[in-house]
Every structure is written in C-alpha cells, then in structure tokens.
C-alpha cells in the first residue's frame, strides 16, 4: 500500500502532527509527553519568534488514510549565516517501524531543503537549542527528563540505512548526591571571598524571573561556540521565559555575581516531573497541574535543566561553586539523585565533573548529518 505525504497547512493537520507521538508511544512506559498547547505554540507562526529567522515545513505520512509518521524541516538562516554552511535541519521525526514510511518522509524533507539551496541536512534539531534536539540511541529503558527526549529503538537502524551518519552525540548521567566534604565547602568560601563573589538565592518567583533576561544574555555568551546554537534575542528570551520559568522553583535557581553586580554564572534545577507529565497526558488542566504540584513538593530526583558560566571567568572555579550551592539545597530538600541534561561527549571537563559523583552514564542522543548531493 503506497504512502501519501501531505504538507501541514491547516490547524487540523497541525493537530494531527502534534498528536501523532501520543498514539505512537501510547503503550511505552518511558516516553514523557510535553504539553500539547506548548508544542502547538512552538510550531505556530506568530507565536514562536523563531519563525522570524527560520523557514519551516512540516509533513505527515498517511497509509490507508491513517497517520503513520511525521517530519519537519527547518532552515535556520542565522545558523547558515554564522557557520557559512548551507545546512538545513530535520526536526520532530517520528514514524512507525516501516522503511517505506521513513524513506518517504525524509525524502520529502531532503528534496525541499535541496530546492531551498541546502547542501546538507542534520538533526533531529529544533528551532533553537532549548527546543527538541537529538535522537535517543542508547538508554531506552530509562525515563527521560522533561527537557530531554525519548525515541523508539528501531529509529537508529532506519537512519543509518538511509545514509545518515553521526555528527555529534550528547551523553546523560544519573548522579547520586552525597554529603559535601568539609574541604569542598571551605574551598568554596575561599574562592567567593578571594574574588568577592555573591551567590544569589531567590525567595520569590518575581525576583527570580527578573533575572531571566540576564540569564539568557549570559547563555548567549556561554554557549556561543557550541554547535547548533543561535543567540536569543529579546523576543525569544520572553518566549522561553514564559515556557520554562513558570515551572521553576526559586530555591533551585542560583546565580553568581561579582562585586560590580555582573552576572557570571547560573545553574537551574527542578524536581523531576517526568512521572507527573506522564500522568498529565499532555494537558495542564484540569488535573495535570495537581500531578505537577505533587512532584514539586515531594521528590527524590531532580533534573539539571541548564547551567552556564561566562567564558571569561571559566578558570575561577565558578562551576564548582554553583554545583556545591545547588547540592546544599538538593540535600536539604530530600533530593538524592540528579538527572543531567545532554552534554557533548567532547566536553571532557563537564563529563569529569559528573564522574566525580557515584553515577551511571545511561543515555546517549545523536545528531545525524547527511550530504544532500544527489549521486
């Protein structure tokens, strides 16, 4: 039976695009759904500011009138200009275990990218680095954090068969948090005193959110040299502040300032909401919010959402201070385990930091790349 590929042009088709993973993973106990409204907003021109510098197409694959897969393609013009490479992005690929389906989907996305002048495609990647990125290739029997991703184990073999190769991998750890040695605490205080540093603790959401623009400006500096990163302008900062900061608890957000009040680093954790999101089933109301509140109040696991340090101050030990201060709060609130977000496998300094804890390295995500030149 032939596969029909349709471009997403209507609100009905966008709903089918967004809802397809809910059907595909309906019996999978590890998949963690996001909120339907959030994902719809990210994919809607006029709501997501990234559409101002991204060309976007979405497609659905149908077999016998039923959705069997989906894919999107993005040309992030800022990325193309910054790198000088004509490389488009493949995004939100999901499909049944059917070579015909995935071949038709990726073939459609690749052909559009060629027509738009692209020479390569990489992904899965979203609009920006806080959007979906990477395909899970190891760790299928572990629950992802709400800022990570889960995929079907059969995806990898299809990607490789269709000519996609590894470009970069992210790895993730599960850390066991233990008491902090006195030596580490003394060292922390010495560094803070020597450089006249202040670790700011937040007691209210209002105070915490007031720092969001500064955090995003620092994020632009800290992540500037990383692959797939484009800067957050004021509109994107506002968009992702609304998307993420509403779920953050002030006590799990720490920032470091110097004597002049300059923001030098930040670390953001959140009690794990993976189980809560599963129970919510993609909807915040009427019952999803209750599950989230319970997870925020009582939990033994936290997700490390984001951390960054001003690159001009990397050698001052700021990362160690942030981690130690966060660890104090985690232990005081009954947190014993931390799920890290993806770290590039080439980031040996960060990886060694996590390996200093009792840990398992349990998940791996991949960004693939393919040359679009026709043979």
Protein backbone atom coordinates (compact mmCIF):
# COMPACT_ATOMS: atom_id res chain seq x y z
CA UNK A 1 0.00 0.00 0.00
CA UNK A 2 1.51 3.32 -1.07
CA UNK A 3 2.40 6.13 1.33
CA UNK A 4 0.84 9.56 0.89
CA UNK A 5 2.84 12.60 2.08
CA UNK A 6 0.88 15.76 2.87
CA UNK A 7 2.25 19.13 3.85
CA UNK A 8 0.78 20.53 7.07
CA UNK A 9 -1.27 23.57 6.07
CA UNK A 10 -4.30 23.60 8.35
CA UNK A 11 -4.97 23.65 12.09
CA UNK A 12 -6.45 20.15 11.76
CA UNK A 13 -3.26 18.85 10.16
CA UNK A 14 -1.11 20.62 12.76
CA UNK A 15 -3.13 18.90 15.49
CA UNK A 16 -2.51 15.54 13.81
CA UNK A 17 1.20 16.38 13.62
CA UNK A 18 1.38 17.27 17.31
CA UNK A 19 -0.75 14.34 18.46
CA UNK A 20 0.93 11.57 16.46
CA UNK A 21 3.56 10.76 19.16
CA UNK A 22 0.76 10.33 21.71
CA UNK A 23 -0.55 7.48 19.58
CA UNK A 24 2.86 6.06 18.65
CA UNK A 25 4.09 5.85 22.27
CA UNK A 26 0.70 5.01 23.81
CA UNK A 27 1.97 1.73 25.33
CA UNK A 28 5.50 2.89 26.11
CA UNK A 29 6.16 3.37 29.82
CA UNK A 30 9.28 5.51 29.29
CA UNK A 31 8.04 8.20 26.89
CA UNK A 32 7.33 11.55 28.60
CA UNK A 33 4.82 13.77 26.76
CA UNK A 34 5.13 17.51 26.70
CA UNK A 35 2.12 19.78 26.86
CA UNK A 36 0.02 19.80 23.72
CA UNK A 37 -0.55 23.55 23.88
CA UNK A 38 3.17 24.31 24.28
CA UNK A 39 4.17 22.18 21.31
CA UNK A 40 1.42 23.64 19.15
CA UNK A 41 2.61 27.13 20.05
CA UNK A 42 6.22 26.34 19.16
CA UNK A 43 5.08 25.18 15.72
CA UNK A 44 2.81 28.16 15.05
CA UNK A 45 3.93 31.22 13.12
CA UNK A 46 3.02 34.34 15.09
CA UNK A 47 3.56 32.62 18.42
CA UNK A 48 7.14 31.36 18.14
CA UNK A 49 9.55 34.27 17.40
CA UNK A 50 12.00 31.83 15.76
CA UNK A 51 9.80 31.88 12.64
CA UNK A 52 11.24 35.36 12.02
CA UNK A 53 14.58 33.81 11.04
CA UNK A 54 13.56 30.25 10.17
CA UNK A 55 11.93 28.78 7.06
CA UNK A 56 9.80 25.83 8.15
CA UNK A 57 7.86 22.99 6.53
CA UNK A 58 6.00 20.14 8.23
CA UNK A 59 4.72 16.93 6.63
CA UNK A 60 2.59 13.94 7.61
CA UNK A 61 2.76 10.44 6.14
CA UNK A 62 -0.52 8.58 5.67
CA UNK A 63 -1.13 4.91 5.00
CA UNK A 64 -4.75 3.99 4.18
CA UNK A 65 -5.88 7.36 5.48
CA UNK A 66 -4.16 6.94 8.85
CA UNK A 67 -1.14 8.94 10.07
CA UNK A 68 1.93 6.70 10.05
CA UNK A 69 4.68 9.27 10.58
CA UNK A 70 5.71 12.91 10.57
CA UNK A 71 8.75 15.09 9.92
CA UNK A 72 9.68 18.76 9.76
CA UNK A 73 12.45 20.70 8.06
CA UNK A 74 13.91 24.00 9.23
CA UNK A 75 16.33 26.38 7.60
CA UNK A 76 17.69 28.46 10.45
CA UNK A 77 19.02 31.43 8.49
CA UNK A 78 21.02 32.68 11.48
CA UNK A 79 22.83 29.35 11.70
CA UNK A 80 23.50 29.26 7.96
CA UNK A 81 24.92 32.78 8.05
CA UNK A 82 27.02 32.21 11.17
CA UNK A 83 28.56 28.92 10.01
CA UNK A 84 28.77 29.70 6.30
CA UNK A 85 27.43 26.21 5.64
CA UNK A 86 24.28 25.51 3.67
CA UNK A 87 22.90 23.00 6.15
CA UNK A 88 19.21 22.60 6.96
CA UNK A 89 17.64 20.96 9.98
CA UNK A 90 15.44 17.89 10.18
CA UNK A 91 13.06 18.08 13.13
CA UNK A 92 10.43 16.10 15.03
CA UNK A 93 10.84 12.88 13.09
CA UNK A 94 8.51 10.14 14.35
CA UNK A 95 7.36 7.08 12.44
CA UNK A 96 6.07 3.54 12.62
CA UNK A 97 8.61 0.76 12.13
CA UNK A 98 8.22 0.91 8.37
CA UNK A 99 11.07 1.67 5.95
CA UNK A 100 8.66 2.88 3.28
CA UNK A 101 7.22 5.49 5.65
CA UNK A 102 10.50 6.94 6.89
CA UNK A 103 12.00 6.88 3.39
CA UNK A 104 9.09 8.91 2.04
CA UNK A 105 9.19 11.38 4.94
CA UNK A 106 12.91 12.05 4.87
CA UNK A 107 12.97 12.05 1.09
CA UNK A 108 10.35 14.81 1.07
CA UNK A 109 12.21 16.90 3.64
CA UNK A 110 15.53 16.42 1.84
CA UNK A 111 14.09 17.44 -1.53
CA UNK A 112 12.61 20.65 -0.11
CA UNK A 113 15.94 21.52 1.51
CA UNK A 114 17.71 20.93 -1.81
CA UNK A 115 15.25 23.21 -3.57
CA UNK A 116 16.00 25.86 -0.95
CA UNK A 117 19.71 25.65 -1.74
CA UNK A 118 20.85 23.47 1.16
CA UNK A 119 23.73 21.06 0.64
CA UNK A 120 23.42 19.04 3.85
CA UNK A 121 20.81 18.19 6.47
CA UNK A 122 21.40 17.49 10.14
CA UNK A 123 19.17 16.61 13.04
CA UNK A 124 16.91 15.98 14.72
CA UNK A 125 17.21 19.60 15.80
CA UNK A 126 14.62 22.18 16.76
CA UNK A 127 14.45 25.91 16.12
CA UNK A 128 16.99 26.69 18.89
CA UNK A 129 18.97 24.66 21.40
CA UNK A 130 16.20 24.83 24.04
CA UNK A 131 13.89 23.11 21.56
CA UNK A 132 13.94 19.37 20.78
CA UNK A 133 17.39 18.19 19.75
CA UNK A 134 18.97 14.80 19.26
CA UNK A 135 17.66 11.27 18.79
CA UNK A 136 17.96 8.74 21.58
CA UNK A 137 20.27 5.90 20.51
CA UNK A 138 21.09 4.40 23.94
CA UNK A 139 19.15 4.20 27.19
CA UNK A 140 15.70 3.09 26.07
CA UNK A 141 14.88 1.59 29.48
CA UNK A 142 15.35 4.87 31.34
CA UNK A 143 12.89 7.69 31.90
CA UNK A 144 13.95 10.94 30.21
CA UNK A 145 13.74 14.30 31.92
CA UNK A 146 11.12 16.77 30.71
CA UNK A 147 13.83 18.70 28.85
CA UNK A 148 15.21 15.61 27.12
CA UNK A 149 13.74 13.25 24.53
CA UNK A 150 12.76 9.64 24.04
CA UNK A 151 12.62 7.73 20.75
CA UNK A 152 11.86 4.26 19.51
CA UNK A 153 14.83 1.84 19.46
CA UNK A 154 14.21 0.98 15.81
CA UNK A 155 14.88 4.53 14.61
CA UNK A 156 18.68 4.13 14.55
CA UNK A 157 18.78 1.30 12.01
CA UNK A 158 16.46 3.19 9.66
CA UNK A 159 18.55 6.36 9.89
CA UNK A 160 21.78 4.52 9.12
CA UNK A 161 20.19 2.61 6.24
CA UNK A 162 19.10 5.90 4.68
CA UNK A 163 22.58 7.36 4.67
CA UNK A 164 22.55 9.39 7.90
CA UNK A 165 25.82 9.44 9.83
CA UNK A 166 26.81 10.56 13.30
CA UNK A 167 27.65 14.26 13.55
CA UNK A 168 27.61 14.75 17.34
CA UNK A 169 26.49 12.84 20.42
CA UNK A 170 25.20 14.08 23.75
CA UNK A 171 25.51 11.84 26.81
CA UNK A 172 23.48 11.96 30.02
CA UNK A 173 24.23 10.85 33.57
CA UNK A 174 22.29 9.88 36.66
CA UNK A 175 24.17 11.10 39.72
CA UNK A 176 23.82 10.03 43.33
CA UNK A 177 24.09 13.08 45.59
CA UNK A 178 26.02 12.64 48.82
CA UNK A 179 27.09 14.90 51.67
CA UNK A 180 29.55 17.61 50.73
CA UNK A 181 33.09 17.19 52.15
CA UNK A 182 34.20 19.95 54.51
CA UNK A 183 37.23 20.56 52.29
CA UNK A 184 34.96 21.40 49.33
CA UNK A 185 32.88 23.76 51.47
CA UNK A 186 35.97 25.59 52.72
CA UNK A 187 37.34 25.88 49.18
CA UNK A 188 34.03 27.33 48.02
CA UNK A 189 34.15 30.03 50.68
CA UNK A 190 37.78 30.84 49.89
CA UNK A 191 37.01 31.37 46.18
CA UNK A 192 33.98 33.53 46.95
CA UNK A 193 35.99 35.67 49.36
CA UNK A 194 39.03 35.98 47.08
CA UNK A 195 37.04 37.19 44.07
CA UNK A 196 34.32 38.97 46.07
CA UNK A 197 31.58 36.79 44.64
CA UNK A 198 27.98 36.54 45.79
CA UNK A 199 25.75 33.52 45.21
CA UNK A 200 22.24 34.85 44.97
CA UNK A 201 19.44 32.71 46.35
CA UNK A 202 15.89 33.54 45.27
CA UNK A 203 12.89 33.53 47.59
CA UNK A 204 10.18 34.53 45.12
CA UNK A 205 9.23 33.81 41.52
CA UNK A 206 9.02 37.52 40.80
CA UNK A 207 12.61 38.10 41.88
CA UNK A 208 13.80 35.00 40.00
CA UNK A 209 12.04 35.97 36.74
CA UNK A 210 13.54 39.46 36.91
CA UNK A 211 16.91 37.80 36.27
CA UNK A 212 15.71 35.90 33.18
CA UNK A 213 16.92 38.46 30.59
CA UNK A 214 20.37 38.50 32.20
CA UNK A 215 20.48 34.69 32.31
CA UNK A 216 19.67 34.49 28.60
CA UNK A 217 22.31 37.10 27.75
CA UNK A 218 24.85 35.05 29.67
CA UNK A 219 23.61 31.88 27.99
CA UNK A 220 24.35 33.54 24.63
CA UNK A 221 27.94 34.13 25.76
CA UNK A 222 28.46 30.76 27.41
CA UNK A 223 27.05 28.69 24.53
CA UNK A 224 28.26 30.85 21.63
CA UNK A 225 30.85 28.35 20.39
CA UNK A 226 28.69 25.24 20.73
CA UNK A 227 27.17 23.55 17.69
CA UNK A 228 23.56 24.31 16.74
CA UNK A 229 23.35 27.41 18.96
CA UNK A 230 21.90 30.72 17.79
CA UNK A 231 21.57 33.75 20.08
CA UNK A 232 18.39 34.52 22.00
CA UNK A 233 17.05 37.94 21.12
CA UNK A 234 14.54 39.79 23.32
CA UNK A 235 11.54 38.08 21.72
CA UNK A 236 12.99 34.57 22.11
CA UNK A 237 14.02 35.38 25.68
CA UNK A 238 10.46 36.37 26.52
CA UNK A 239 9.04 33.29 24.75
CA UNK A 240 11.25 30.78 26.56
CA UNK A 241 10.97 32.60 29.89
CA UNK A 242 7.20 32.05 29.73
CA UNK A 243 7.68 28.45 28.58
CA UNK A 244 10.17 27.33 31.23
CA UNK A 245 10.33 29.77 34.15
CA UNK A 246 6.70 29.16 35.15
CA UNK A 247 7.69 25.66 36.35
CA UNK A 248 10.85 26.63 38.18
CA UNK A 249 11.06 26.82 41.94
CA UNK A 250 13.12 29.85 43.05
CA UNK A 251 15.16 27.88 45.55
CA UNK A 252 16.60 25.68 42.78
CA UNK A 253 17.86 28.62 40.72
CA UNK A 254 21.28 30.02 41.67
CA UNK A 255 23.33 32.80 40.11
CA UNK A 256 26.79 34.18 40.85
CA UNK A 257 27.55 37.90 40.71
CA UNK A 258 30.80 39.77 41.23
CA UNK A 259 31.30 42.87 43.33
CA UNK A 260 30.04 45.08 40.48
CA UNK A 261 26.81 43.09 40.19
CA UNK A 262 27.85 41.42 36.92
CA UNK A 263 26.23 38.03 36.34
CA UNK A 264 28.99 35.45 35.92
CA UNK A 265 27.18 32.11 36.12
CA UNK A 266 23.92 30.30 36.76
CA UNK A 267 22.56 26.85 37.48
CA UNK A 268 18.94 25.72 37.21
CA UNK A 269 17.47 22.51 38.60
CA UNK A 270 13.91 21.33 39.01
CA UNK A 271 12.40 18.37 40.86
CA UNK A 272 11.80 15.62 38.32
CA UNK A 273 8.40 16.00 36.70
CA UNK A 274 8.67 13.11 34.25
CA UNK A 275 6.13 10.91 36.05
CA UNK A 276 3.89 13.92 36.60
CA UNK A 277 3.96 14.78 32.90
CA UNK A 278 3.10 11.19 32.05
CA UNK A 279 0.08 11.33 34.35
CA UNK A 280 -0.93 14.70 32.93
CA UNK A 281 -1.03 13.21 29.44
CA UNK A 282 -0.17 16.45 27.67
CA UNK A 283 -2.77 18.60 29.43
CA UNK A 284 -2.15 21.03 32.26
CA UNK A 285 -5.83 21.35 33.13
CA UNK A 286 -7.93 20.17 34.84
CA UNK A 287 -5.80 17.52 36.58
CA UNK A 288 -2.29 17.82 35.17
CA UNK A 289 -1.43 20.73 37.43
CA UNK A 290 -2.15 18.61 40.52
CA UNK A 291 0.37 15.97 39.46
CA UNK A 292 2.98 18.66 38.86
CA UNK A 293 2.40 20.28 42.25
CA UNK A 294 2.87 16.92 43.97
CA UNK A 295 6.13 16.33 42.08
CA UNK A 296 7.43 19.78 43.01
CA UNK A 297 6.66 19.23 46.70
CA UNK A 298 7.87 15.67 47.20
CA UNK A 299 10.61 14.08 45.12
CA UNK A 300 13.92 12.27 45.49
CA UNK A 301 15.14 13.15 41.98
CA UNK A 302 15.96 16.47 40.33
CA UNK A 303 16.72 17.37 36.71
CA UNK A 304 19.66 19.63 35.95
CA UNK A 305 17.99 21.87 33.39
CA UNK A 306 20.69 24.35 32.44
CA UNK A 307 23.98 25.75 33.63
CA UNK A 308 26.34 28.33 32.21
CA UNK A 309 29.43 30.35 33.12
CA UNK A 310 30.81 33.48 31.49
CA UNK A 311 33.67 32.16 29.30
CA UNK A 312 35.95 34.98 30.52
CA UNK A 313 35.72 33.58 34.07
CA UNK A 314 35.88 29.83 33.37
CA UNK A 315 39.04 29.27 35.42
CA UNK A 316 37.79 30.84 38.65
CA UNK A 317 36.02 27.72 39.89
CA UNK A 318 32.54 29.20 39.38
CA UNK A 319 31.05 25.94 38.13
CA UNK A 320 32.19 24.17 41.31
CA UNK A 321 30.65 26.91 43.46
CA UNK A 322 27.32 26.68 41.63
CA UNK A 323 27.23 22.90 41.87
CA UNK A 324 28.09 22.93 45.58
CA UNK A 325 25.48 25.58 46.38
CA UNK A 326 22.86 23.67 44.42
CA UNK A 327 23.86 20.44 46.13
CA UNK A 328 23.23 22.03 49.55
CA UNK A 329 19.68 22.89 48.51
CA UNK A 330 19.04 19.49 46.94
CA UNK A 331 20.16 17.61 50.04
CA UNK A 332 18.17 19.90 52.36
CA UNK A 333 15.04 19.09 50.34
CA UNK A 334 15.42 15.32 50.23
CA UNK A 335 16.85 15.08 46.70
CA UNK A 336 19.22 12.15 46.34
CA UNK A 337 19.53 11.74 42.57
CA UNK A 338 20.14 14.15 39.70
CA UNK A 339 19.48 13.58 36.00
CA UNK A 340 21.81 15.67 33.88
CA UNK A 341 20.79 17.06 30.53
CA UNK A 342 22.80 16.15 27.46
CA UNK A 343 26.49 17.04 27.42
CA UNK A 344 28.51 16.89 24.21
CA UNK A 345 30.72 13.83 24.50
CA UNK A 346 33.67 16.08 23.61
CA UNK A 347 33.11 18.22 26.74
CA UNK A 348 35.61 16.32 28.85
CA UNK A 349 35.73 18.87 31.69
CA UNK A 350 31.99 18.67 32.37
CA UNK A 351 31.97 14.90 31.99
CA UNK A 352 34.79 14.52 34.51
CA UNK A 353 32.84 16.71 36.94
CA UNK A 354 29.89 14.32 36.83
CA UNK A 355 32.15 11.28 37.05
CA UNK A 356 33.35 12.55 40.43
CA UNK A 357 29.92 11.53 41.76
CA UNK A 358 28.62 8.00 42.08
CA UNK A 359 26.95 7.76 38.70
CA UNK A 360 25.74 5.84 35.70
CA UNK A 361 26.12 7.12 32.14
CA UNK A 362 22.84 5.77 30.90
CA UNK A 363 21.63 7.72 27.87
CA UNK A 364 23.03 8.88 24.57
CA UNK A 365 21.41 11.12 21.96
CA UNK A 366 22.68 11.72 18.44
CA UNK A 367 22.58 14.44 15.83
CA UNK A 368 22.89 12.88 12.39
CA UNK A 369 24.10 14.51 9.19
CA UNK A 370 23.64 13.65 5.51
CA UNK A 371 25.03 15.13 2.33
CA UNK A 372 22.19 16.17 0.04
CA UNK A 373 24.17 15.98 -3.17
CA UNK A 374 22.41 13.54 -5.48
CA UNK A 375 24.54 10.59 -6.52
